[in-house]
Amino acid sequence: AVLKAGADKAAVNTAALRRPQLITEIAR
């Protein structure tokens, strides 16, 4: 959603600490 709104990259913190696999899901 933020990429569609115009961002080129997304920063994650809280959700990634709680579920590190999120990093891989976004990268894929």
mmCIF file of all heavy atoms, coordinates in Angstrom:
data_MODEL
# 
_entry.id   MODEL 
# 
loop_
_atom_site.group_PDB 
_atom_site.id 
_atom_site.type_symbol 
_atom_site.label_atom_id 
_atom_site.label_alt_id 
_atom_site.label_comp_id 
_atom_site.label_asym_id 
_atom_site.label_entity_id 
_atom_site.label_seq_id 
_atom_site.pdbx_PDB_ins_code 
_atom_site.Cartn_x 
_atom_site.Cartn_y 
_atom_site.Cartn_z 
_atom_site.occupancy 
_atom_site.B_iso_or_equiv 
_atom_site.pdbx_formal_charge 
_atom_site.auth_seq_id 
_atom_site.auth_comp_id 
_atom_site.auth_asym_id 
_atom_site.auth_atom_id 
_atom_site.pdbx_PDB_model_num 
ATOM 1   N N   . ALA A 1 1  ? 0.825  -1.213  0.000  1.00 0.00 ? 1  ALA A N   1 
ATOM 2   C CA  . ALA A 1 1  ? 0.000  0.000   0.000  1.00 0.00 ? 1  ALA A CA  1 
ATOM 3   C C   . ALA A 1 1  ? 0.855  1.257   0.000  1.00 0.00 ? 1  ALA A C   1 
ATOM 4   O O   . ALA A 1 1  ? 0.545  2.226   -0.721 1.00 0.00 ? 1  ALA A O   1 
ATOM 5   C CB  . ALA A 1 1  ? -0.938 -0.015  1.200  1.00 0.00 ? 1  ALA A CB  1 
ATOM 6   N N   . VAL A 1 2  ? 1.927  1.301   0.814  1.00 0.00 ? 2  VAL A N   1 
ATOM 7   C CA  . VAL A 1 2  ? 2.759  2.514   0.823  1.00 0.00 ? 2  VAL A CA  1 
ATOM 8   C C   . VAL A 1 2  ? 3.587  2.618   -0.453 1.00 0.00 ? 2  VAL A C   1 
ATOM 9   O O   . VAL A 1 2  ? 3.863  3.725   -0.925 1.00 0.00 ? 2  VAL A O   1 
ATOM 10  C CB  . VAL A 1 2  ? 3.651  2.608   2.083  1.00 0.00 ? 2  VAL A CB  1 
ATOM 11  C CG1 . VAL A 1 2  ? 2.818  2.733   3.334  1.00 0.00 ? 2  VAL A CG1 1 
ATOM 12  C CG2 . VAL A 1 2  ? 4.640  1.470   2.183  1.00 0.00 ? 2  VAL A CG2 1 
ATOM 13  N N   . LEU A 1 3  ? 3.953  1.477   -1.041 1.00 0.00 ? 3  LEU A N   1 
ATOM 14  C CA  . LEU A 1 3  ? 4.658  1.521   -2.323 1.00 0.00 ? 3  LEU A CA  1 
ATOM 15  C C   . LEU A 1 3  ? 3.739  2.063   -3.413 1.00 0.00 ? 3  LEU A C   1 
ATOM 16  O O   . LEU A 1 3  ? 4.143  2.871   -4.249 1.00 0.00 ? 3  LEU A O   1 
ATOM 17  C CB  . LEU A 1 3  ? 5.173  0.136   -2.702 1.00 0.00 ? 3  LEU A CB  1 
ATOM 18  C CG  . LEU A 1 3  ? 6.209  -0.499  -1.764 1.00 0.00 ? 3  LEU A CG  1 
ATOM 19  C CD1 . LEU A 1 3  ? 6.613  -1.880  -2.277 1.00 0.00 ? 3  LEU A CD1 1 
ATOM 20  C CD2 . LEU A 1 3  ? 7.439  0.387   -1.605 1.00 0.00 ? 3  LEU A CD2 1 
ATOM 21  N N   . LYS A 1 4  ? 2.490  1.633   -3.387 1.00 0.00 ? 4  LYS A N   1 
ATOM 22  C CA  . LYS A 1 4  ? 1.519  2.130   -4.368 1.00 0.00 ? 4  LYS A CA  1 
ATOM 23  C C   . LYS A 1 4  ? 1.288  3.622   -4.197 1.00 0.00 ? 4  LYS A C   1 
ATOM 24  O O   . LYS A 1 4  ? 1.054  4.352   -5.172 1.00 0.00 ? 4  LYS A O   1 
ATOM 25  C CB  . LYS A 1 4  ? 0.208  1.360   -4.215 1.00 0.00 ? 4  LYS A CB  1 
ATOM 26  C CG  . LYS A 1 4  ? -0.832 1.700   -5.272 1.00 0.00 ? 4  LYS A CG  1 
ATOM 27  C CD  . LYS A 1 4  ? -2.081 0.840   -5.125 1.00 0.00 ? 4  LYS A CD  1 
ATOM 28  C CE  . LYS A 1 4  ? -3.114 1.175   -6.188 1.00 0.00 ? 4  LYS A CE  1 
ATOM 29  N NZ  . LYS A 1 4  ? -4.339 0.331   -6.033 1.00 0.00 ? 4  LYS A NZ  1 
ATOM 30  N N   . ALA A 1 5  ? 1.370  4.109   -2.956 1.00 0.00 ? 5  ALA A N   1 
ATOM 31  C CA  . ALA A 1 5  ? 1.168  5.537   -2.697 1.00 0.00 ? 5  ALA A CA  1 
ATOM 32  C C   . ALA A 1 5  ? 2.369  6.373   -3.112 1.00 0.00 ? 5  ALA A C   1 
ATOM 33  O O   . ALA A 1 5  ? 2.273  7.606   -3.137 1.00 0.00 ? 5  ALA A O   1 
ATOM 34  C CB  . ALA A 1 5  ? 0.874  5.756   -1.217 1.00 0.00 ? 5  ALA A CB  1 
ATOM 35  N N   . GLY A 1 6  ? 3.503  5.721   -3.406 1.00 0.00 ? 6  GLY A N   1 
ATOM 36  C CA  . GLY A 1 6  ? 4.655  6.475   -3.908 1.00 0.00 ? 6  GLY A CA  1 
ATOM 37  C C   . GLY A 1 6  ? 5.977  6.206   -3.246 1.00 0.00 ? 6  GLY A C   1 
ATOM 38  O O   . GLY A 1 6  ? 7.009  6.710   -3.701 1.00 0.00 ? 6  GLY A O   1 
ATOM 39  N N   . ALA A 1 7  ? 5.999  5.436   -2.156 1.00 0.00 ? 7  ALA A N   1 
ATOM 40  C CA  . ALA A 1 7  ? 7.275  5.124   -1.506 1.00 0.00 ? 7  ALA A CA  1 
ATOM 41  C C   . ALA A 1 7  ? 8.083  4.165   -2.373 1.00 0.00 ? 7  ALA A C   1 
ATOM 42  O O   . ALA A 1 7  ? 7.518  3.369   -3.129 1.00 0.00 ? 7  ALA A O   1 
ATOM 43  C CB  . ALA A 1 7  ? 7.037  4.515   -0.130 1.00 0.00 ? 7  ALA A CB  1 
ATOM 44  N N   . ASP A 1 8  ? 9.391  4.246   -2.264 1.00 0.00 ? 8  ASP A N   1 
ATOM 45  C CA  . ASP A 1 8  ? 10.290 3.321   -2.957 1.00 0.00 ? 8  ASP A CA  1 
ATOM 46  C C   . ASP A 1 8  ? 10.738 2.181   -2.054 1.00 0.00 ? 8  ASP A C   1 
ATOM 47  O O   . ASP A 1 8  ? 11.070 1.099   -2.530 1.00 0.00 ? 8  ASP A O   1 
ATOM 48  C CB  . ASP A 1 8  ? 11.531 4.081   -3.458 1.00 0.00 ? 8  ASP A CB  1 
ATOM 49  C CG  . ASP A 1 8  ? 11.157 5.195   -4.402 1.00 0.00 ? 8  ASP A CG  1 
ATOM 50  O OD1 . ASP A 1 8  ? 10.962 4.916   -5.594 1.00 0.00 ? 8  ASP A OD1 1 
ATOM 51  O OD2 . ASP A 1 8  ? 11.058 6.352   -3.945 1.00 0.00 ? 8  ASP A OD2 1 
ATOM 52  N N   . LYS A 1 9  ? 10.758 2.458   -0.741 1.00 0.00 ? 9  LYS A N   1 
ATOM 53  C CA  . LYS A 1 9  ? 11.192 1.465   0.240  1.00 0.00 ? 9  LYS A CA  1 
ATOM 54  C C   . LYS A 1 9  ? 10.283 1.567   1.461  1.00 0.00 ? 9  LYS A C   1 
ATOM 55  O O   . LYS A 1 9  ? 9.652  2.601   1.691  1.00 0.00 ? 9  LYS A O   1 
ATOM 56  C CB  . LYS A 1 9  ? 12.658 1.712   0.646  1.00 0.00 ? 9  LYS A CB  1 
ATOM 57  C CG  . LYS A 1 9  ? 13.646 1.513   -0.483 1.00 0.00 ? 9  LYS A CG  1 
ATOM 58  C CD  . LYS A 1 9  ? 15.079 1.784   -0.057 1.00 0.00 ? 9  LYS A CD  1 
ATOM 59  C CE  . LYS A 1 9  ? 15.406 3.259   -0.051 1.00 0.00 ? 9  LYS A CE  1 
ATOM 60  N NZ  . LYS A 1 9  ? 16.853 3.525   0.176  1.00 0.00 ? 9  LYS A NZ  1 
ATOM 61  N N   . ALA A 1 10 ? 10.261 0.477   2.245  1.00 0.00 ? 10 ALA A N   1 
ATOM 62  C CA  . ALA A 1 10 ? 9.420  0.442   3.440  1.00 0.00 ? 10 ALA A CA  1 
ATOM 63  C C   . ALA A 1 10 ? 10.267 0.076   4.640  1.00 0.00 ? 10 ALA A C   1 
ATOM 64  O O   . ALA A 1 10 ? 11.086 -0.848  4.583  1.00 0.00 ? 10 ALA A O   1 
ATOM 65  C CB  . ALA A 1 10 ? 8.290  -0.564  3.271  1.00 0.00 ? 10 ALA A CB  1 
ATOM 66  N N   . ALA A 1 11 ? 10.074 0.803   5.744  1.00 0.00 ? 11 ALA A N   1 
ATOM 67  C CA  . ALA A 1 11 ? 10.796 0.524   6.986  1.00 0.00 ? 11 ALA A CA  1 
ATOM 68  C C   . ALA A 1 11 ? 9.877  -0.219  7.947  1.00 0.00 ? 11 ALA A C   1 
ATOM 69  O O   . ALA A 1 11 ? 8.741  0.205   8.177  1.00 0.00 ? 11 ALA A O   1 
ATOM 70  C CB  . ALA A 1 11 ? 11.288 1.826   7.628  1.00 0.00 ? 11 ALA A CB  1 
ATOM 71  N N   . VAL A 1 12 ? 10.371 -1.319  8.495  1.00 0.00 ? 12 VAL A N   1 
ATOM 72  C CA  . VAL A 1 12 ? 9.594  -2.110  9.455  1.00 0.00 ? 12 VAL A CA  1 
ATOM 73  C C   . VAL A 1 12 ? 10.402 -2.279  10.734 1.00 0.00 ? 12 VAL A C   1 
ATOM 74  O O   . VAL A 1 12 ? 11.622 -2.397  10.702 1.00 0.00 ? 12 VAL A O   1 
ATOM 75  C CB  . VAL A 1 12 ? 9.211  -3.488  8.873  1.00 0.00 ? 12 VAL A CB  1 
ATOM 76  C CG1 . VAL A 1 12 ? 8.209  -3.338  7.741  1.00 0.00 ? 12 VAL A CG1 1 
ATOM 77  C CG2 . VAL A 1 12 ? 10.443 -4.267  8.409  1.00 0.00 ? 12 VAL A CG2 1 
ATOM 78  N N   . ASN A 1 13 ? 9.695  -2.293  11.854 1.00 0.00 ? 13 ASN A N   1 
ATOM 79  C CA  . ASN A 1 13 ? 10.352 -2.482  13.146 1.00 0.00 ? 13 ASN A CA  1 
ATOM 80  C C   . ASN A 1 13 ? 9.525  -3.420  14.018 1.00 0.00 ? 13 ASN A C   1 
ATOM 81  O O   . ASN A 1 13 ? 9.827  -4.600  14.152 1.00 0.00 ? 13 ASN A O   1 
ATOM 82  C CB  . ASN A 1 13 ? 10.577 -1.146  13.850 1.00 0.00 ? 13 ASN A CB  1 
ATOM 83  C CG  . ASN A 1 13 ? 11.251 -1.303  15.197 1.00 0.00 ? 13 ASN A CG  1 
ATOM 84  O OD1 . ASN A 1 13 ? 11.831 -2.335  15.499 1.00 0.00 ? 13 ASN A OD1 1 
ATOM 85  N ND2 . ASN A 1 13 ? 11.172 -0.291  16.040 1.00 0.00 ? 13 ASN A ND2 1 
ATOM 86  N N   . THR A 1 14 ? 8.443  -2.910  14.601 1.00 0.00 ? 14 THR A N   1 
ATOM 87  C CA  . THR A 1 14 ? 7.663  -3.665  15.574 1.00 0.00 ? 14 THR A CA  1 
ATOM 88  C C   . THR A 1 14 ? 7.220  -5.024  15.034 1.00 0.00 ? 14 THR A C   1 
ATOM 89  O O   . THR A 1 14 ? 7.426  -6.063  15.673 1.00 0.00 ? 14 THR A O   1 
ATOM 90  C CB  . THR A 1 14 ? 6.433  -2.852  16.013 1.00 0.00 ? 14 THR A CB  1 
ATOM 91  O OG1 . THR A 1 14 ? 6.864  -1.599  16.552 1.00 0.00 ? 14 THR A OG1 1 
ATOM 92  C CG2 . THR A 1 14 ? 5.637  -3.610  17.062 1.00 0.00 ? 14 THR A CG2 1 
ATOM 93  N N   . ALA A 1 15 ? 6.588  -5.031  13.868 1.00 0.00 ? 15 ALA A N   1 
ATOM 94  C CA  . ALA A 1 15 ? 6.057  -6.278  13.319 1.00 0.00 ? 15 ALA A CA  1 
ATOM 95  C C   . ALA A 1 15 ? 7.171  -7.272  13.005 1.00 0.00 ? 15 ALA A C   1 
ATOM 96  O O   . ALA A 1 15 ? 6.991  -8.483  13.151 1.00 0.00 ? 15 ALA A O   1 
ATOM 97  C CB  . ALA A 1 15 ? 5.236  -5.991  12.069 1.00 0.00 ? 15 ALA A CB  1 
ATOM 98  N N   . ALA A 1 16 ? 8.335  -6.758  12.576 1.00 0.00 ? 16 ALA A N   1 
ATOM 99  C CA  . ALA A 1 16 ? 9.452  -7.650  12.264 1.00 0.00 ? 16 ALA A CA  1 
ATOM 100 C C   . ALA A 1 16 ? 10.045 -8.252  13.531 1.00 0.00 ? 16 ALA A C   1 
ATOM 101 O O   . ALA A 1 16 ? 10.451 -9.424  13.542 1.00 0.00 ? 16 ALA A O   1 
ATOM 102 C CB  . ALA A 1 16 ? 10.521 -6.892  11.481 1.00 0.00 ? 16 ALA A CB  1 
ATOM 103 N N   . LEU A 1 17 ? 10.107 -7.474  14.609 1.00 0.00 ? 17 LEU A N   1 
ATOM 104 C CA  . LEU A 1 17 ? 10.591 -8.020  15.880 1.00 0.00 ? 17 LEU A CA  1 
ATOM 105 C C   . LEU A 1 17 ? 9.658  -9.115  16.386 1.00 0.00 ? 17 LEU A C   1 
ATOM 106 O O   . LEU A 1 17 ? 10.104 -10.131 16.933 1.00 0.00 ? 17 LEU A O   1 
ATOM 107 C CB  . LEU A 1 17 ? 10.703 -6.906  16.924 1.00 0.00 ? 17 LEU A CB  1 
ATOM 108 C CG  . LEU A 1 17 ? 11.926 -5.994  16.819 1.00 0.00 ? 17 LEU A CG  1 
ATOM 109 C CD1 . LEU A 1 17 ? 11.734 -4.759  17.689 1.00 0.00 ? 17 LEU A CD1 1 
ATOM 110 C CD2 . LEU A 1 17 ? 13.195 -6.735  17.226 1.00 0.00 ? 17 LEU A CD2 1 
ATOM 111 N N   . ARG A 1 18 ? 8.372  -8.919  16.196 1.00 0.00 ? 18 ARG A N   1 
ATOM 112 C CA  . ARG A 1 18 ? 7.401  -9.907  16.666 1.00 0.00 ? 18 ARG A CA  1 
ATOM 113 C C   . ARG A 1 18 ? 7.389  -11.142 15.779 1.00 0.00 ? 18 ARG A C   1 
ATOM 114 O O   . ARG A 1 18 ? 7.171  -12.264 16.252 1.00 0.00 ? 18 ARG A O   1 
ATOM 115 C CB  . ARG A 1 18 ? 6.005  -9.282  16.717 1.00 0.00 ? 18 ARG A CB  1 
ATOM 116 C CG  . ARG A 1 18 ? 5.854  -8.223  17.796 1.00 0.00 ? 18 ARG A CG  1 
ATOM 117 C CD  . ARG A 1 18 ? 4.506  -7.532  17.713 1.00 0.00 ? 18 ARG A CD  1 
ATOM 118 N NE  . ARG A 1 18 ? 4.316  -6.597  18.816 1.00 0.00 ? 18 ARG A NE  1 
ATOM 119 C CZ  . ARG A 1 18 ? 3.328  -5.704  18.861 1.00 0.00 ? 18 ARG A CZ  1 
ATOM 120 N NH1 . ARG A 1 18 ? 2.459  -5.609  17.858 1.00 0.00 ? 18 ARG A NH1 1 
ATOM 121 N NH2 . ARG A 1 18 ? 3.208  -4.882  19.901 1.00 0.00 ? 18 ARG A NH2 1 
ATOM 122 N N   . ARG A 1 19 ? 7.619  -10.935 14.477 1.00 0.00 ? 19 ARG A N   1 
ATOM 123 C CA  . ARG A 1 19 ? 7.576  -12.057 13.533 1.00 0.00 ? 19 ARG A CA  1 
ATOM 124 C C   . ARG A 1 19 ? 8.634  -11.824 12.466 1.00 0.00 ? 19 ARG A C   1 
ATOM 125 O O   . ARG A 1 19 ? 8.362  -11.262 11.410 1.00 0.00 ? 19 ARG A O   1 
ATOM 126 C CB  . ARG A 1 19 ? 6.179  -12.169 12.914 1.00 0.00 ? 19 ARG A CB  1 
ATOM 127 C CG  . ARG A 1 19 ? 5.935  -13.473 12.175 1.00 0.00 ? 19 ARG A CG  1 
ATOM 128 C CD  . ARG A 1 19 ? 4.479  -13.612 11.769 1.00 0.00 ? 19 ARG A CD  1 
ATOM 129 N NE  . ARG A 1 19 ? 4.101  -12.635 10.774 1.00 0.00 ? 19 ARG A NE  1 
ATOM 130 C CZ  . ARG A 1 19 ? 4.287  -12.805 9.452  1.00 0.00 ? 19 ARG A CZ  1 
ATOM 131 N NH1 . ARG A 1 19 ? 4.866  -13.885 8.987  1.00 0.00 ? 19 ARG A NH1 1 
ATOM 132 N NH2 . ARG A 1 19 ? 3.892  -11.867 8.613  1.00 0.00 ? 19 ARG A NH2 1 
ATOM 133 N N   . PRO A 1 20 ? 9.879  -12.237 12.722 1.00 0.00 ? 20 PRO A N   1 
ATOM 134 C CA  . PRO A 1 20 ? 10.984 -11.948 11.805 1.00 0.00 ? 20 PRO A CA  1 
ATOM 135 C C   . PRO A 1 20 ? 10.762 -12.434 10.377 1.00 0.00 ? 20 PRO A C   1 
ATOM 136 O O   . PRO A 1 20 ? 11.310 -11.841 9.439  1.00 0.00 ? 20 PRO A O   1 
ATOM 137 C CB  . PRO A 1 20 ? 12.162 -12.666 12.464 1.00 0.00 ? 20 PRO A CB  1 
ATOM 138 C CG  . PRO A 1 20 ? 11.826 -12.682 13.919 1.00 0.00 ? 20 PRO A CG  1 
ATOM 139 C CD  . PRO A 1 20 ? 10.342 -12.885 13.967 1.00 0.00 ? 20 PRO A CD  1 
ATOM 140 N N   . GLN A 1 21 ? 9.962  -13.473 10.191 1.00 0.00 ? 21 GLN A N   1 
ATOM 141 C CA  . GLN A 1 21 ? 9.719  -13.978 8.845  1.00 0.00 ? 21 GLN A CA  1 
ATOM 142 C C   . GLN A 1 21 ? 9.092  -12.930 7.937  1.00 0.00 ? 21 GLN A C   1 
ATOM 143 O O   . GLN A 1 21 ? 9.161  -13.019 6.706  1.00 0.00 ? 21 GLN A O   1 
ATOM 144 C CB  . GLN A 1 21 ? 8.815  -15.216 8.909  1.00 0.00 ? 21 GLN A CB  1 
ATOM 145 C CG  . GLN A 1 21 ? 8.622  -15.946 7.590  1.00 0.00 ? 21 GLN A CG  1 
ATOM 146 C CD  . GLN A 1 21 ? 9.916  -16.484 7.004  1.00 0.00 ? 21 GLN A CD  1 
ATOM 147 O OE1 . GLN A 1 21 ? 10.872 -16.737 7.749  1.00 0.00 ? 21 GLN A OE1 1 
ATOM 148 N NE2 . GLN A 1 21 ? 9.966  -16.637 5.689  1.00 0.00 ? 21 GLN A NE2 1 
ATOM 149 N N   . LEU A 1 22 ? 8.506  -11.891 8.524  1.00 0.00 ? 22 LEU A N   1 
ATOM 150 C CA  . LEU A 1 22 ? 7.932  -10.803 7.723  1.00 0.00 ? 22 LEU A CA  1 
ATOM 151 C C   . LEU A 1 22 ? 8.973  -10.189 6.798  1.00 0.00 ? 22 LEU A C   1 
ATOM 152 O O   . LEU A 1 22 ? 8.656  -9.802  5.663  1.00 0.00 ? 22 LEU A O   1 
ATOM 153 C CB  . LEU A 1 22 ? 7.349  -9.729  8.645  1.00 0.00 ? 22 LEU A CB  1 
ATOM 154 C CG  . LEU A 1 22 ? 6.818  -8.467  7.966  1.00 0.00 ? 22 LEU A CG  1 
ATOM 155 C CD1 . LEU A 1 22 ? 5.655  -8.777  7.039  1.00 0.00 ? 22 LEU A CD1 1 
ATOM 156 C CD2 . LEU A 1 22 ? 6.414  -7.425  9.011  1.00 0.00 ? 22 LEU A CD2 1 
ATOM 157 N N   . ILE A 1 23 ? 10.203 -10.098 7.260  1.00 0.00 ? 23 ILE A N   1 
ATOM 158 C CA  . ILE A 1 23 ? 11.272 -9.521  6.433  1.00 0.00 ? 23 ILE A CA  1 
ATOM 159 C C   . ILE A 1 23 ? 11.417 -10.307 5.139  1.00 0.00 ? 23 ILE A C   1 
ATOM 160 O O   . ILE A 1 23 ? 11.493 -9.742  4.045  1.00 0.00 ? 23 ILE A O   1 
ATOM 161 C CB  . ILE A 1 23 ? 12.603 -9.503  7.215  1.00 0.00 ? 23 ILE A CB  1 
ATOM 162 C CG1 . ILE A 1 23 ? 12.474 -8.634  8.468  1.00 0.00 ? 23 ILE A CG1 1 
ATOM 163 C CG2 . ILE A 1 23 ? 13.748 -9.014  6.328  1.00 0.00 ? 23 ILE A CG2 1 
ATOM 164 C CD1 . ILE A 1 23 ? 13.646 -8.768  9.431  1.00 0.00 ? 23 ILE A CD1 1 
ATOM 165 N N   . THR A 1 24 ? 11.443 -11.625 5.254  1.00 0.00 ? 24 THR A N   1 
ATOM 166 C CA  . THR A 1 24 ? 11.573 -12.478 4.078  1.00 0.00 ? 24 THR A CA  1 
ATOM 167 C C   . THR A 1 24 ? 10.359 -12.364 3.170  1.00 0.00 ? 24 THR A C   1 
ATOM 168 O O   . THR A 1 24 ? 10.482 -12.335 1.939  1.00 0.00 ? 24 THR A O   1 
ATOM 169 C CB  . THR A 1 24 ? 11.771 -13.939 4.509  1.00 0.00 ? 24 THR A CB  1 
ATOM 170 O OG1 . THR A 1 24 ? 12.908 -14.020 5.371  1.00 0.00 ? 24 THR A OG1 1 
ATOM 171 C CG2 . THR A 1 24 ? 11.991 -14.844 3.310  1.00 0.00 ? 24 THR A CG2 1 
ATOM 172 N N   . GLU A 1 25 ? 9.181  -12.280 3.762  1.00 0.00 ? 25 GLU A N   1 
ATOM 173 C CA  . GLU A 1 25 ? 7.956  -12.167 2.969  1.00 0.00 ? 25 GLU A CA  1 
ATOM 174 C C   . GLU A 1 25 ? 7.950  -10.889 2.136  1.00 0.00 ? 25 GLU A C   1 
ATOM 175 O O   . GLU A 1 25 ? 7.573  -10.902 0.955  1.00 0.00 ? 25 GLU A O   1 
ATOM 176 C CB  . GLU A 1 25 ? 6.735  -12.215 3.888  1.00 0.00 ? 25 GLU A CB  1 
ATOM 177 C CG  . GLU A 1 25 ? 6.533  -13.562 4.551  1.00 0.00 ? 25 GLU A CG  1 
ATOM 178 C CD  . GLU A 1 25 ? 5.475  -13.532 5.641  1.00 0.00 ? 25 GLU A CD  1 
ATOM 179 O OE1 . GLU A 1 25 ? 4.853  -12.457 5.845  1.00 0.00 ? 25 GLU A OE1 1 
ATOM 180 O OE2 . GLU A 1 25 ? 5.267  -14.560 6.302  1.00 0.00 ? 25 GLU A OE2 1 
ATOM 181 N N   . ILE A 1 26 ? 8.388  -9.793  2.732  1.00 0.00 ? 26 ILE A N   1 
ATOM 182 C CA  . ILE A 1 26 ? 8.441  -8.527  1.985  1.00 0.00 ? 26 ILE A CA  1 
ATOM 183 C C   . ILE A 1 26 ? 9.499  -8.592  0.895  1.00 0.00 ? 26 ILE A C   1 
ATOM 184 O O   . ILE A 1 26 ? 9.278  -8.151  -0.236 1.00 0.00 ? 26 ILE A O   1 
ATOM 185 C CB  . ILE A 1 26 ? 8.712  -7.345  2.933  1.00 0.00 ? 26 ILE A CB  1 
ATOM 186 C CG1 . ILE A 1 26 ? 7.595  -7.215  3.971  1.00 0.00 ? 26 ILE A CG1 1 
ATOM 187 C CG2 . ILE A 1 26 ? 8.846  -6.043  2.145  1.00 0.00 ? 26 ILE A CG2 1 
ATOM 188 C CD1 . ILE A 1 26 ? 7.927  -6.235  5.090  1.00 0.00 ? 26 ILE A CD1 1 
ATOM 189 N N   . ALA A 1 27 ? 10.655 -9.153  1.235  1.00 0.00 ? 27 ALA A N   1 
ATOM 190 C CA  . ALA A 1 27 ? 11.738 -9.258  0.256  1.00 0.00 ? 27 ALA A CA  1 
ATOM 191 C C   . ALA A 1 27 ? 11.327 -10.107 -0.938 1.00 0.00 ? 27 ALA A C   1 
ATOM 192 O O   . ALA A 1 27 ? 11.649 -9.796  -2.093 1.00 0.00 ? 27 ALA A O   1 
ATOM 193 C CB  . ALA A 1 27 ? 12.983 -9.832  0.920  1.00 0.00 ? 27 ALA A CB  1 
ATOM 194 N N   . ARG A 1 28 ? 10.615 -11.196 -0.681 1.00 0.00 ? 28 ARG A N   1 
ATOM 195 C CA  . ARG A 1 28 ? 10.166 -12.058 -1.779 1.00 0.00 ? 28 ARG A CA  1 
ATOM 196 C C   . ARG A 1 28 ? 9.111  -11.373 -2.637 1.00 0.00 ? 28 ARG A C   1 
ATOM 197 O O   . ARG A 1 28 ? 9.064  -11.557 -3.854 1.00 0.00 ? 28 ARG A O   1 
ATOM 198 C CB  . ARG A 1 28 ? 9.610  -13.365 -1.218 1.00 0.00 ? 28 ARG A CB  1 
ATOM 199 C CG  . ARG A 1 28 ? 10.687 -14.311 -0.700 1.00 0.00 ? 28 ARG A CG  1 
ATOM 200 C CD  . ARG A 1 28 ? 10.086 -15.543 -0.057 1.00 0.00 ? 28 ARG A CD  1 
ATOM 201 N NE  . ARG A 1 28 ? 11.125 -16.483 0.367  1.00 0.00 ? 28 ARG A NE  1 
ATOM 202 C CZ  . ARG A 1 28 ? 10.909 -17.534 1.139  1.00 0.00 ? 28 ARG A CZ  1 
ATOM 203 N NH1 . ARG A 1 28 ? 9.672  -17.793 1.587  1.00 0.00 ? 28 ARG A NH1 1 
ATOM 204 N NH2 . ARG A 1 28 ? 11.899 -18.331 1.484  1.00 0.00 ? 28 ARG A NH2 1 
# 
